[in-house]
């Protein structure tokens, strides 16, 4: 089928890009892919079959915003992934939308300090419009992108000027928290979130997500600092022939032992934020669809494609209801 072949080609292209861009994906490819994939199953019956028909595309597409930023070097992409709240003054003075932000701050300031909350607002408007006009390709691309930025918004260090612990002698903590820990322990996480819920006030919800993530920042950094005090460098980092191993960016590579200790000391923080990202992604997709007038999505794909996928979709829903995702722990069940 034409649609199926296009999806396969796109996935091949993304996979090739991922091969040349390790260590740079926020939440890691593992995190973003699991967030978008799990969100599909939280959608209502009127939406789920359409999204499931393209679940592989949505899963792979979830990492593309980072590829635009790092691999393609899209200058407009960078500030979309974060907001340094400390540099915007009081919480009450934070602009309510992109238009207000651009009136209050110049481009240089926004480029340096981020536009994450307002960019998500803009994407919600675009997704709602795409649903209303039943533009299949736009729905899929925008939905996948929105899931990515919602994942970023749930990462505490994406809301802080001390984004990599560089201000507190904790460099490398960013990638350790959002990439290494999910990759090491994510197979045991619970991805079940229940059904998607309608969001009454999108702007308020985005601000709540950002502020709640920011509140976790101090705990994250404090726990890391506390653990470091009791570890020598040869225990804190991986070594080879007596030298600390470095990644391609010159950063010291943390040991598996330390990663495990940090994961335990954070008391489920990474898993909770990932699951919250799944719930938020499904909620935002669902809300955009409702606000668009609940358009019928069943006609956007050939009937035989939906029918063909219905059996595997039912199996994956049951797996998700147990907190698991196909392709992680239970390949043998399919």
C-alpha atoms as a PDB file:
ATOM      1  CA  UNK A   1       0.000   0.000   0.000  1.00  0.00           C
ATOM      2  CA  UNK A   2       1.119   3.528  -0.787  1.00  0.00           C
ATOM      3  CA  UNK A   3       0.635   4.796   2.752  1.00  0.00           C
ATOM      4  CA  UNK A   4       2.426   1.844   4.250  1.00  0.00           C
ATOM      5  CA  UNK A   5       5.424   2.206   1.903  1.00  0.00           C
ATOM      6  CA  UNK A   6       5.695   5.930   2.673  1.00  0.00           C
ATOM      7  CA  UNK A   7       5.708   5.157   6.385  1.00  0.00           C
ATOM      8  CA  UNK A   8       8.429   2.535   5.972  1.00  0.00           C
ATOM      9  CA  UNK A   9      10.581   4.904   3.943  1.00  0.00           C
ATOM     10  CA  UNK A  10      10.212   7.649   6.533  1.00  0.00           C
ATOM     11  CA  UNK A  11      11.138   5.254   9.338  1.00  0.00           C
ATOM     12  CA  UNK A  12      14.251   4.151   7.420  1.00  0.00           C
ATOM     13  CA  UNK A  13      15.335   7.783   7.031  1.00  0.00           C
ATOM     14  CA  UNK A  14      14.803   8.499  10.737  1.00  0.00           C
ATOM     15  CA  UNK A  15      16.638   5.322  11.736  1.00  0.00           C
ATOM     16  CA  UNK A  16      19.627   6.369   9.640  1.00  0.00           C
ATOM     17  CA  UNK A  17      19.646   9.787  11.294  1.00  0.00           C
ATOM     18  CA  UNK A  18      19.459   8.183  14.727  1.00  0.00           C
ATOM     19  CA  UNK A  19      22.496   6.104  13.904  1.00  0.00           C
ATOM     20  CA  UNK A  20      24.597   9.238  13.488  1.00  0.00           C
ATOM     21  CA  UNK A  21      23.115  11.110  16.428  1.00  0.00           C
ATOM     22  CA  UNK A  22      23.598   9.060  19.615  1.00  0.00           C
ATOM     23  CA  UNK A  23      23.819  10.694  23.050  1.00  0.00           C
ATOM     24  CA  UNK A  24      21.994  13.836  21.902  1.00  0.00           C
ATOM     25  CA  UNK A  25      18.310  12.944  22.039  1.00  0.00           C
ATOM     26  CA  UNK A  26      16.451  14.442  25.002  1.00  0.00           C
ATOM     27  CA  UNK A  27      14.694  11.662  26.993  1.00  0.00           C
ATOM     28  CA  UNK A  28      16.758   9.445  24.694  1.00  0.00           C
ATOM     29  CA  UNK A  29      15.191   7.712  21.720  1.00  0.00           C
ATOM     30  CA  UNK A  30      13.936   5.140  24.243  1.00  0.00           C
ATOM     31  CA  UNK A  31      12.050   7.717  26.304  1.00  0.00           C
ATOM     32  CA  UNK A  32      10.408   9.705  23.526  1.00  0.00           C
ATOM     33  CA  UNK A  33       9.419   6.610  21.575  1.00  0.00           C
ATOM     34  CA  UNK A  34       7.819   4.996  24.616  1.00  0.00           C
ATOM     35  CA  UNK A  35       5.940   8.184  25.512  1.00  0.00           C
ATOM     36  CA  UNK A  36       4.340   8.640  22.091  1.00  0.00           C
ATOM     37  CA  UNK A  37       3.680   4.922  21.625  1.00  0.00           C
ATOM     38  CA  UNK A  38       1.984   4.452  24.995  1.00  0.00           C
ATOM     39  CA  UNK A  39      -0.154   7.572  24.475  1.00  0.00           C
ATOM     40  CA  UNK A  40      -1.861   5.935  21.485  1.00  0.00           C
ATOM     41  CA  UNK A  41      -3.503   3.330  23.727  1.00  0.00           C
ATOM     42  CA  UNK A  42      -4.940   5.936  26.104  1.00  0.00           C
ATOM     43  CA  UNK A  43      -7.007   7.481  23.284  1.00  0.00           C
ATOM     44  CA  UNK A  44     -10.756   6.860  22.992  1.00  0.00           C
ATOM     45  CA  UNK A  45     -12.130   4.303  20.527  1.00  0.00           C
ATOM     46  CA  UNK A  46     -12.987   7.003  17.978  1.00  0.00           C
ATOM     47  CA  UNK A  47      -9.304   7.990  17.722  1.00  0.00           C
ATOM     48  CA  UNK A  48      -7.270   4.930  18.608  1.00  0.00           C
ATOM     49  CA  UNK A  49      -7.611   2.850  15.380  1.00  0.00           C
ATOM     50  CA  UNK A  50      -6.387   5.752  13.219  1.00  0.00           C
ATOM     51  CA  UNK A  51      -3.428   6.448  15.491  1.00  0.00           C
ATOM     52  CA  UNK A  52      -2.666   2.738  15.800  1.00  0.00           C
ATOM     53  CA  UNK A  53      -2.566   2.370  12.006  1.00  0.00           C
ATOM     54  CA  UNK A  54       0.384   4.770  12.139  1.00  0.00           C
ATOM     55  CA  UNK A  55       1.848   3.860  15.519  1.00  0.00           C
ATOM     56  CA  UNK A  56       5.261   2.946  14.085  1.00  0.00           C
ATOM     57  CA  UNK A  57       5.446   6.304  12.334  1.00  0.00           C
ATOM     58  CA  UNK A  58       4.385   8.190  15.477  1.00  0.00           C
ATOM     59  CA  UNK A  59       6.887   6.218  17.565  1.00  0.00           C
ATOM     60  CA  UNK A  60       9.807   6.991  15.271  1.00  0.00           C
ATOM     61  CA  UNK A  61       8.710  10.544  14.503  1.00  0.00           C
ATOM     62  CA  UNK A  62       8.828  11.356  18.236  1.00  0.00           C
ATOM     63  CA  UNK A  63      12.597  11.842  18.014  1.00  0.00           C
ATOM     64  CA  UNK A  64      12.641  14.087  14.951  1.00  0.00           C
ATOM     65  CA  UNK A  65      12.565  17.457  16.787  1.00  0.00           C
ATOM     66  CA  UNK A  66      15.934  16.586  18.345  1.00  0.00           C
ATOM     67  CA  UNK A  67      17.280  15.511  14.977  1.00  0.00           C
ATOM     68  CA  UNK A  68      16.230  18.842  13.498  1.00  0.00           C
ATOM     69  CA  UNK A  69      18.087  20.534  16.321  1.00  0.00           C
ATOM     70  CA  UNK A  70      21.320  18.551  16.374  1.00  0.00           C
ATOM     71  CA  UNK A  71      21.712  16.741  13.071  1.00  0.00           C
ATOM     72  CA  UNK A  72      20.165  19.230  10.662  1.00  0.00           C
ATOM     73  CA  UNK A  73      21.243  22.164  12.864  1.00  0.00           C
ATOM     74  CA  UNK A  74      17.927  24.002  12.559  1.00  0.00           C
ATOM     75  CA  UNK A  75      18.532  27.261  14.459  1.00  0.00           C
ATOM     76  CA  UNK A  76      14.829  27.787  15.150  1.00  0.00           C
ATOM     77  CA  UNK A  77      14.554  24.403  16.864  1.00  0.00           C
ATOM     78  CA  UNK A  78      16.745  24.902  19.935  1.00  0.00           C
ATOM     79  CA  UNK A  79      14.587  27.216  22.080  1.00  0.00           C
ATOM     80  CA  UNK A  80      11.492  25.085  21.496  1.00  0.00           C
ATOM     81  CA  UNK A  81      12.802  22.386  23.848  1.00  0.00           C
ATOM     82  CA  UNK A  82      13.259  24.320  27.089  1.00  0.00           C
ATOM     83  CA  UNK A  83      12.556  27.367  29.213  1.00  0.00           C
ATOM     84  CA  UNK A  84      14.970  28.770  31.788  1.00  0.00           C
ATOM     85  CA  UNK A  85      12.330  29.894  34.271  1.00  0.00           C
ATOM     86  CA  UNK A  86      14.804  31.598  36.599  1.00  0.00           C
ATOM     87  CA  UNK A  87      15.587  34.162  33.908  1.00  0.00           C
ATOM     88  CA  UNK A  88      11.980  35.220  33.305  1.00  0.00           C
ATOM     89  CA  UNK A  89      11.392  36.793  36.712  1.00  0.00           C
ATOM     90  CA  UNK A  90       8.369  35.937  38.847  1.00  0.00           C
ATOM     91  CA  UNK A  91       6.013  33.169  37.807  1.00  0.00           C
ATOM     92  CA  UNK A  92       3.125  35.608  37.602  1.00  0.00           C
ATOM     93  CA  UNK A  93       4.957  37.733  35.049  1.00  0.00           C
ATOM     94  CA  UNK A  94       5.534  34.882  32.606  1.00  0.00           C
ATOM     95  CA  UNK A  95       3.918  35.768  29.234  1.00  0.00           C
ATOM     96  CA  UNK A  96       0.710  33.885  28.482  1.00  0.00           C
ATOM     97  CA  UNK A  97       1.438  33.186  24.819  1.00  0.00           C
ATOM     98  CA  UNK A  98       4.046  33.531  22.068  1.00  0.00           C
ATOM     99  CA  UNK A  99       2.757  36.927  20.978  1.00  0.00           C
ATOM    100  CA  UNK A 100       3.159  38.343  24.490  1.00  0.00           C
ATOM    101  CA  UNK A 101       6.588  36.729  24.856  1.00  0.00           C
ATOM    102  CA  UNK A 102       7.858  38.354  21.651  1.00  0.00           C
ATOM    103  CA  UNK A 103       6.520  41.734  22.713  1.00  0.00           C
ATOM    104  CA  UNK A 104       8.172  41.529  26.121  1.00  0.00           C
ATOM    105  CA  UNK A 105      11.522  39.958  25.135  1.00  0.00           C
ATOM    106  CA  UNK A 106      13.781  40.271  22.098  1.00  0.00           C
ATOM    107  CA  UNK A 107      14.715  37.332  19.869  1.00  0.00           C
ATOM    108  CA  UNK A 108      18.172  36.955  21.402  1.00  0.00           C
ATOM    109  CA  UNK A 109      16.721  36.572  24.901  1.00  0.00           C
ATOM    110  CA  UNK A 110      14.132  34.010  23.777  1.00  0.00           C
ATOM    111  CA  UNK A 111      16.742  32.092  21.778  1.00  0.00           C
ATOM    112  CA  UNK A 112      18.896  31.839  24.913  1.00  0.00           C
ATOM    113  CA  UNK A 113      16.147  31.177  27.465  1.00  0.00           C
ATOM    114  CA  UNK A 114      13.591  29.136  25.563  1.00  0.00           C
ATOM    115  CA  UNK A 115      10.009  29.227  24.314  1.00  0.00           C
ATOM    116  CA  UNK A 116       8.806  25.708  25.200  1.00  0.00           C
ATOM    117  CA  UNK A 117       5.404  26.514  26.793  1.00  0.00           C
ATOM    118  CA  UNK A 118       4.326  28.910  24.050  1.00  0.00           C
ATOM    119  CA  UNK A 119       5.496  26.649  21.260  1.00  0.00           C
ATOM    120  CA  UNK A 120       3.340  23.839  22.661  1.00  0.00           C
ATOM    121  CA  UNK A 121       0.372  26.225  22.646  1.00  0.00           C
ATOM    122  CA  UNK A 122       1.004  26.977  18.986  1.00  0.00           C
ATOM    123  CA  UNK A 123       1.246  23.278  18.151  1.00  0.00           C
ATOM    124  CA  UNK A 124      -2.083  22.651  19.866  1.00  0.00           C
ATOM    125  CA  UNK A 125      -3.710  25.262  17.652  1.00  0.00           C
ATOM    126  CA  UNK A 126      -2.148  23.675  14.567  1.00  0.00           C
ATOM    127  CA  UNK A 127      -3.166  20.173  15.620  1.00  0.00           C
ATOM    128  CA  UNK A 128      -6.744  21.276  16.256  1.00  0.00           C
ATOM    129  CA  UNK A 129      -6.841  22.866  12.801  1.00  0.00           C
ATOM    130  CA  UNK A 130      -5.395  19.728  11.200  1.00  0.00           C
ATOM    131  CA  UNK A 131      -8.079  17.592  12.894  1.00  0.00           C
ATOM    132  CA  UNK A 132     -10.829  19.997  11.848  1.00  0.00           C
ATOM    133  CA  UNK A 133      -9.665  19.923   8.227  1.00  0.00           C
ATOM    134  CA  UNK A 134      -8.973  16.167   8.386  1.00  0.00           C
ATOM    135  CA  UNK A 135      -5.457  16.599   7.039  1.00  0.00           C
ATOM    136  CA  UNK A 136      -4.005  13.187   7.756  1.00  0.00           C
ATOM    137  CA  UNK A 137      -0.308  13.896   7.247  1.00  0.00           C
ATOM    138  CA  UNK A 138      -0.407  17.084   9.317  1.00  0.00           C
ATOM    139  CA  UNK A 139      -2.259  15.347  12.144  1.00  0.00           C
ATOM    140  CA  UNK A 140       0.406  12.654  12.392  1.00  0.00           C
ATOM    141  CA  UNK A 141       3.429  14.934  12.141  1.00  0.00           C
ATOM    142  CA  UNK A 142       2.117  17.560  14.567  1.00  0.00           C
ATOM    143  CA  UNK A 143       0.826  15.005  17.082  1.00  0.00           C
ATOM    144  CA  UNK A 144       4.182  13.215  17.160  1.00  0.00           C
ATOM    145  CA  UNK A 145       6.058  16.513  17.559  1.00  0.00           C
ATOM    146  CA  UNK A 146       3.731  17.681  20.331  1.00  0.00           C
ATOM    147  CA  UNK A 147       4.380  14.440  22.230  1.00  0.00           C
ATOM    148  CA  UNK A 148       8.098  15.167  22.037  1.00  0.00           C
ATOM    149  CA  UNK A 149       7.838  18.661  23.519  1.00  0.00           C
ATOM    150  CA  UNK A 150       5.441  17.477  26.233  1.00  0.00           C
ATOM    151  CA  UNK A 151       8.088  14.915  27.163  1.00  0.00           C
ATOM    152  CA  UNK A 152      10.670  17.707  27.352  1.00  0.00           C
ATOM    153  CA  UNK A 153       8.329  19.765  29.528  1.00  0.00           C
ATOM    154  CA  UNK A 154       8.230  16.936  32.075  1.00  0.00           C
ATOM    155  CA  UNK A 155      12.037  16.823  32.341  1.00  0.00           C
ATOM    156  CA  UNK A 156      12.979  19.066  35.329  1.00  0.00           C
ATOM    157  CA  UNK A 157      16.251  20.314  33.836  1.00  0.00           C
ATOM    158  CA  UNK A 158      14.482  21.493  30.674  1.00  0.00           C
ATOM    159  CA  UNK A 159      12.946  24.199  32.870  1.00  0.00           C
ATOM    160  CA  UNK A 160      16.152  25.508  34.423  1.00  0.00           C
ATOM    161  CA  UNK A 161      19.166  27.633  33.502  1.00  0.00           C
ATOM    162  CA  UNK A 162      21.235  25.008  35.359  1.00  0.00           C
ATOM    163  CA  UNK A 163      20.156  22.548  32.677  1.00  0.00           C
ATOM    164  CA  UNK A 164      23.195  20.271  32.929  1.00  0.00           C
ATOM    165  CA  UNK A 165      24.360  20.952  36.457  1.00  0.00           C
ATOM    166  CA  UNK A 166      27.041  23.203  34.973  1.00  0.00           C
ATOM    167  CA  UNK A 167      26.402  25.829  37.653  1.00  0.00           C
ATOM    168  CA  UNK A 168      26.786  23.334  40.507  1.00  0.00           C
ATOM    169  CA  UNK A 169      29.653  21.123  39.303  1.00  0.00           C
ATOM    170  CA  UNK A 170      27.307  18.337  38.177  1.00  0.00           C
ATOM    171  CA  UNK A 171      27.945  18.298  34.438  1.00  0.00           C
ATOM    172  CA  UNK A 172      26.468  15.310  32.680  1.00  0.00           C
ATOM    173  CA  UNK A 173      23.492  14.954  35.033  1.00  0.00           C
ATOM    174  CA  UNK A 174      21.073  15.938  32.240  1.00  0.00           C
ATOM    175  CA  UNK A 175      21.829  13.025  29.905  1.00  0.00           C
ATOM    176  CA  UNK A 176      22.211  10.652  32.846  1.00  0.00           C
ATOM    177  CA  UNK A 177      18.702  11.428  34.139  1.00  0.00           C
ATOM    178  CA  UNK A 178      16.746  11.562  30.905  1.00  0.00           C
ATOM    179  CA  UNK A 179      18.583   9.080  28.674  1.00  0.00           C
ATOM    180  CA  UNK A 180      20.747   6.658  30.605  1.00  0.00           C
ATOM    181  CA  UNK A 181      18.323   5.894  33.440  1.00  0.00           C
ATOM    182  CA  UNK A 182      15.318   5.172  31.173  1.00  0.00           C
ATOM    183  CA  UNK A 183      17.489   3.010  28.941  1.00  0.00           C
ATOM    184  CA  UNK A 184      18.757   1.035  31.931  1.00  0.00           C
ATOM    185  CA  UNK A 185      15.523   0.712  33.906  1.00  0.00           C
ATOM    186  CA  UNK A 186      12.666   1.645  31.568  1.00  0.00           C
ATOM    187  CA  UNK A 187      11.836  -1.956  30.730  1.00  0.00           C
ATOM    188  CA  UNK A 188      10.433  -2.274  34.243  1.00  0.00           C
ATOM    189  CA  UNK A 189       8.398   0.954  34.197  1.00  0.00           C
ATOM    190  CA  UNK A 190       4.599   0.994  34.232  1.00  0.00           C
ATOM    191  CA  UNK A 191       3.253   2.814  31.157  1.00  0.00           C
ATOM    192  CA  UNK A 192      -0.444   2.476  31.956  1.00  0.00           C
ATOM    193  CA  UNK A 193      -2.122   5.836  32.542  1.00  0.00           C
ATOM    194  CA  UNK A 194      -5.828   5.201  32.096  1.00  0.00           C
ATOM    195  CA  UNK A 195      -7.974   6.920  29.474  1.00  0.00           C
ATOM    196  CA  UNK A 196      -7.203  10.329  28.026  1.00  0.00           C
ATOM    197  CA  UNK A 197      -8.946  13.280  29.690  1.00  0.00           C
ATOM    198  CA  UNK A 198     -10.191  16.539  28.233  1.00  0.00           C
ATOM    199  CA  UNK A 199      -8.213  19.658  29.194  1.00  0.00           C
ATOM    200  CA  UNK A 200     -10.458  22.623  29.988  1.00  0.00           C
ATOM    201  CA  UNK A 201      -7.708  25.251  29.895  1.00  0.00           C
ATOM    202  CA  UNK A 202      -4.742  24.351  27.689  1.00  0.00           C
ATOM    203  CA  UNK A 203      -2.581  27.327  28.654  1.00  0.00           C
ATOM    204  CA  UNK A 204      -3.125  26.707  32.357  1.00  0.00           C
ATOM    205  CA  UNK A 205      -2.302  23.010  31.944  1.00  0.00           C
ATOM    206  CA  UNK A 206       0.950  23.774  30.122  1.00  0.00           C
ATOM    207  CA  UNK A 207       2.032  26.199  32.837  1.00  0.00           C
ATOM    208  CA  UNK A 208       1.156  23.644  35.533  1.00  0.00           C
ATOM    209  CA  UNK A 209       3.294  21.003  33.817  1.00  0.00           C
ATOM    210  CA  UNK A 210       6.239  23.392  33.483  1.00  0.00           C
ATOM    211  CA  UNK A 211       6.029  24.639  37.079  1.00  0.00           C
ATOM    212  CA  UNK A 212       5.617  21.135  38.537  1.00  0.00           C
ATOM    213  CA  UNK A 213       8.655  19.924  36.595  1.00  0.00           C
ATOM    214  CA  UNK A 214      10.669  22.899  37.790  1.00  0.00           C
ATOM    215  CA  UNK A 215       9.840  22.070  41.406  1.00  0.00           C
ATOM    216  CA  UNK A 216      11.604  18.715  40.971  1.00  0.00           C
ATOM    217  CA  UNK A 217      14.821  20.324  39.755  1.00  0.00           C
ATOM    218  CA  UNK A 218      16.236  21.095  43.215  1.00  0.00           C
ATOM    219  CA  UNK A 219      15.453  17.597  44.501  1.00  0.00           C
ATOM    220  CA  UNK A 220      17.126  16.004  41.486  1.00  0.00           C
ATOM    221  CA  UNK A 221      20.308  18.058  41.884  1.00  0.00           C
ATOM    222  CA  UNK A 222      20.401  17.692  45.681  1.00  0.00           C
ATOM    223  CA  UNK A 223      20.092  13.897  45.520  1.00  0.00           C
ATOM    224  CA  UNK A 224      22.879  13.735  42.952  1.00  0.00           C
ATOM    225  CA  UNK A 225      25.171  15.973  45.026  1.00  0.00           C
ATOM    226  CA  UNK A 226      24.533  13.906  48.142  1.00  0.00           C
ATOM    227  CA  UNK A 227      25.482  10.679  46.423  1.00  0.00           C
ATOM    228  CA  UNK A 228      28.604  12.132  44.804  1.00  0.00           C
ATOM    229  CA  UNK A 229      30.059  13.076  48.184  1.00  0.00           C
ATOM    230  CA  UNK A 230      30.359   9.437  49.122  1.00  0.00           C
ATOM    231  CA  UNK A 231      31.894   8.177  45.886  1.00  0.00           C
ATOM    232  CA  UNK A 232      35.409   8.286  44.523  1.00  0.00           C
ATOM    233  CA  UNK A 233      35.892   9.146  40.849  1.00  0.00           C
ATOM    234  CA  UNK A 234      36.682   5.551  39.913  1.00  0.00           C
ATOM    235  CA  UNK A 235      33.278   4.526  41.295  1.00  0.00           C
ATOM    236  CA  UNK A 236      31.378   7.538  39.974  1.00  0.00           C
ATOM    237  CA  UNK A 237      32.616   7.157  36.394  1.00  0.00           C
ATOM    238  CA  UNK A 238      33.513   4.332  34.061  1.00  0.00           C
ATOM    239  CA  UNK A 239      37.251   3.812  33.729  1.00  0.00           C
ATOM    240  CA  UNK A 240      39.579   2.064  31.329  1.00  0.00           C
ATOM    241  CA  UNK A 241      43.258   1.490  32.064  1.00  0.00           C
ATOM    242  CA  UNK A 242      42.950   3.828  35.028  1.00  0.00           C
ATOM    243  CA  UNK A 243      41.462   6.685  32.970  1.00  0.00           C
ATOM    244  CA  UNK A 244      37.911   8.017  33.074  1.00  0.00           C
ATOM    245  CA  UNK A 245      36.034   7.190  29.890  1.00  0.00           C
ATOM    246  CA  UNK A 246      34.688  10.101  27.856  1.00  0.00           C
ATOM    247  CA  UNK A 247      31.844  10.167  25.338  1.00  0.00           C
ATOM    248  CA  UNK A 248      32.077  11.842  21.918  1.00  0.00           C
ATOM    249  CA  UNK A 249      31.299  15.203  23.527  1.00  0.00           C
ATOM    250  CA  UNK A 250      34.132  14.927  26.032  1.00  0.00           C
ATOM    251  CA  UNK A 251      31.819  14.232  28.969  1.00  0.00           C
ATOM    252  CA  UNK A 252      32.751  11.689  31.624  1.00  0.00           C
ATOM    253  CA  UNK A 253      30.646   8.521  31.377  1.00  0.00           C
ATOM    254  CA  UNK A 254      28.898   7.638  34.643  1.00  0.00           C
ATOM    255  CA  UNK A 255      29.274   4.092  35.930  1.00  0.00           C
ATOM    256  CA  UNK A 256      26.382   1.644  35.937  1.00  0.00           C
ATOM    257  CA  UNK A 257      26.813   1.384  39.704  1.00  0.00           C
ATOM    258  CA  UNK A 258      26.302   5.104  40.185  1.00  0.00           C
ATOM    259  CA  UNK A 259      23.390   5.236  37.731  1.00  0.00           C
ATOM    260  CA  UNK A 260      21.648   2.480  39.700  1.00  0.00           C
ATOM    261  CA  UNK A 261      22.210   4.276  43.005  1.00  0.00           C
ATOM    262  CA  UNK A 262      20.871   7.552  41.624  1.00  0.00           C
ATOM    263  CA  UNK A 263      17.828   5.835  40.138  1.00  0.00           C
ATOM    264  CA  UNK A 264      16.997   4.272  43.504  1.00  0.00           C
ATOM    265  CA  UNK A 265      17.646   7.488  45.444  1.00  0.00           C
ATOM    266  CA  UNK A 266      15.284   9.453  43.181  1.00  0.00           C
ATOM    267  CA  UNK A 267      12.457   7.193  44.375  1.00  0.00           C
ATOM    268  CA  UNK A 268      10.707   6.671  41.067  1.00  0.00           C
ATOM    269  CA  UNK A 269      11.014  10.255  39.800  1.00  0.00           C
ATOM    270  CA  UNK A 270      12.061   9.277  36.270  1.00  0.00           C
ATOM    271  CA  UNK A 271       9.277   6.719  35.881  1.00  0.00           C
ATOM    272  CA  UNK A 272       6.655   9.106  37.289  1.00  0.00           C
ATOM    273  CA  UNK A 273       7.680  11.881  34.908  1.00  0.00           C
ATOM    274  CA  UNK A 274       7.695   9.532  31.948  1.00  0.00           C
ATOM    275  CA  UNK A 275       4.230   8.224  32.816  1.00  0.00           C
ATOM    276  CA  UNK A 276       3.008  11.806  33.318  1.00  0.00           C
ATOM    277  CA  UNK A 277       4.371  12.581  29.835  1.00  0.00           C
ATOM    278  CA  UNK A 278       2.350   9.693  28.386  1.00  0.00           C
ATOM    279  CA  UNK A 279      -0.838  10.915  30.060  1.00  0.00           C
ATOM    280  CA  UNK A 280      -0.268  14.514  28.984  1.00  0.00           C
ATOM    281  CA  UNK A 281       0.404  13.518  25.371  1.00  0.00           C
ATOM    282  CA  UNK A 282      -2.821  11.514  25.151  1.00  0.00           C
ATOM    283  CA  UNK A 283      -4.751  14.314  26.901  1.00  0.00           C
ATOM    284  CA  UNK A 284      -3.491  16.974  24.500  1.00  0.00           C
ATOM    285  CA  UNK A 285      -4.169  14.855  21.391  1.00  0.00           C
ATOM    286  CA  UNK A 286      -7.664  14.089  22.665  1.00  0.00           C
ATOM    287  CA  UNK A 287      -8.383  17.718  23.566  1.00  0.00           C
ATOM    288  CA  UNK A 288      -7.318  18.936  20.111  1.00  0.00           C
ATOM    289  CA  UNK A 289      -9.650  16.383  18.521  1.00  0.00           C
ATOM    290  CA  UNK A 290     -12.586  17.389  20.746  1.00  0.00           C
ATOM    291  CA  UNK A 291     -11.972  21.082  20.112  1.00  0.00           C
ATOM    292  CA  UNK A 292     -11.961  20.341  16.384  1.00  0.00           C
ATOM    293  CA  UNK A 293     -15.494  18.976  16.682  1.00  0.00           C
ATOM    294  CA  UNK A 294     -14.648  15.278  17.041  1.00  0.00           C
ATOM    295  CA  UNK A 295     -14.108  14.643  13.324  1.00  0.00           C
ATOM    296  CA  UNK A 296     -14.520  11.111  11.994  1.00  0.00           C
ATOM    297  CA  UNK A 297     -10.997   9.739  11.532  1.00  0.00           C
ATOM    298  CA  UNK A 298     -12.090   6.332  10.247  1.00  0.00           C
ATOM    299  CA  UNK A 299     -12.226   7.521   6.628  1.00  0.00           C
ATOM    300  CA  UNK A 300      -8.645   8.783   6.591  1.00  0.00           C
ATOM    301  CA  UNK A 301      -7.264   5.266   6.068  1.00  0.00           C
ATOM    302  CA  UNK A 302      -8.349   2.388   3.815  1.00  0.00           C
ATOM    303  CA  UNK A 303     -10.865   0.211   5.632  1.00  0.00           C
ATOM    304  CA  UNK A 304      -8.776  -2.895   4.967  1.00  0.00           C
ATOM    305  CA  UNK A 305      -5.770  -1.341   6.763  1.00  0.00           C
ATOM    306  CA  UNK A 306      -7.796  -0.684   9.918  1.00  0.00           C
ATOM    307  CA  UNK A 307      -9.308  -4.154   9.766  1.00  0.00           C
ATOM    308  CA  UNK A 308      -5.901  -5.720   9.249  1.00  0.00           C
ATOM    309  CA  UNK A 309      -4.516  -3.976  12.342  1.00  0.00           C
ATOM    310  CA  UNK A 310      -7.489  -4.524  14.661  1.00  0.00           C
ATOM    311  CA  UNK A 311      -6.332  -7.870  16.082  1.00  0.00           C
ATOM    312  CA  UNK A 312      -2.814  -6.714  16.986  1.00  0.00           C
ATOM    313  CA  UNK A 313      -4.232  -3.459  18.385  1.00  0.00           C
ATOM    314  CA  UNK A 314      -6.453  -5.364  20.805  1.00  0.00           C
ATOM    315  CA  UNK A 315      -3.485  -7.453  21.960  1.00  0.00           C
ATOM    316  CA  UNK A 316      -1.313  -4.377  22.491  1.00  0.00           C
ATOM    317  CA  UNK A 317      -4.074  -2.609  24.438  1.00  0.00           C
ATOM    318  CA  UNK A 318      -4.252  -5.552  26.837  1.00  0.00           C
ATOM    319  CA  UNK A 319      -0.489  -5.466  27.228  1.00  0.00           C
ATOM    320  CA  UNK A 320      -0.546  -1.696  27.884  1.00  0.00           C
ATOM    321  CA  UNK A 321      -3.270  -2.162  30.496  1.00  0.00           C
ATOM    322  CA  UNK A 322      -0.733  -4.303  32.351  1.00  0.00           C
ATOM    323  CA  UNK A 323       1.718  -1.411  32.136  1.00  0.00           C
ATOM    324  CA  UNK A 324       3.840  -2.872  29.344  1.00  0.00           C
ATOM    325  CA  UNK A 325       4.528  -2.061  25.701  1.00  0.00           C
ATOM    326  CA  UNK A 326       5.124  -4.352  22.757  1.00  0.00           C
ATOM    327  CA  UNK A 327       8.760  -4.442  21.727  1.00  0.00           C
ATOM    328  CA  UNK A 328      10.127  -3.897  25.233  1.00  0.00           C
ATOM    329  CA  UNK A 329       9.510  -6.840  27.526  1.00  0.00           C
ATOM    330  CA  UNK A 330       6.985  -9.057  25.795  1.00  0.00           C
ATOM    331  CA  UNK A 331       7.936  -9.673  22.181  1.00  0.00           C
ATOM    332  CA  UNK A 332       7.258 -13.358  22.677  1.00  0.00           C
ATOM    333  CA  UNK A 333       3.577 -12.654  23.307  1.00  0.00           C
ATOM    334  CA  UNK A 334       3.119 -11.656  19.655  1.00  0.00           C
END
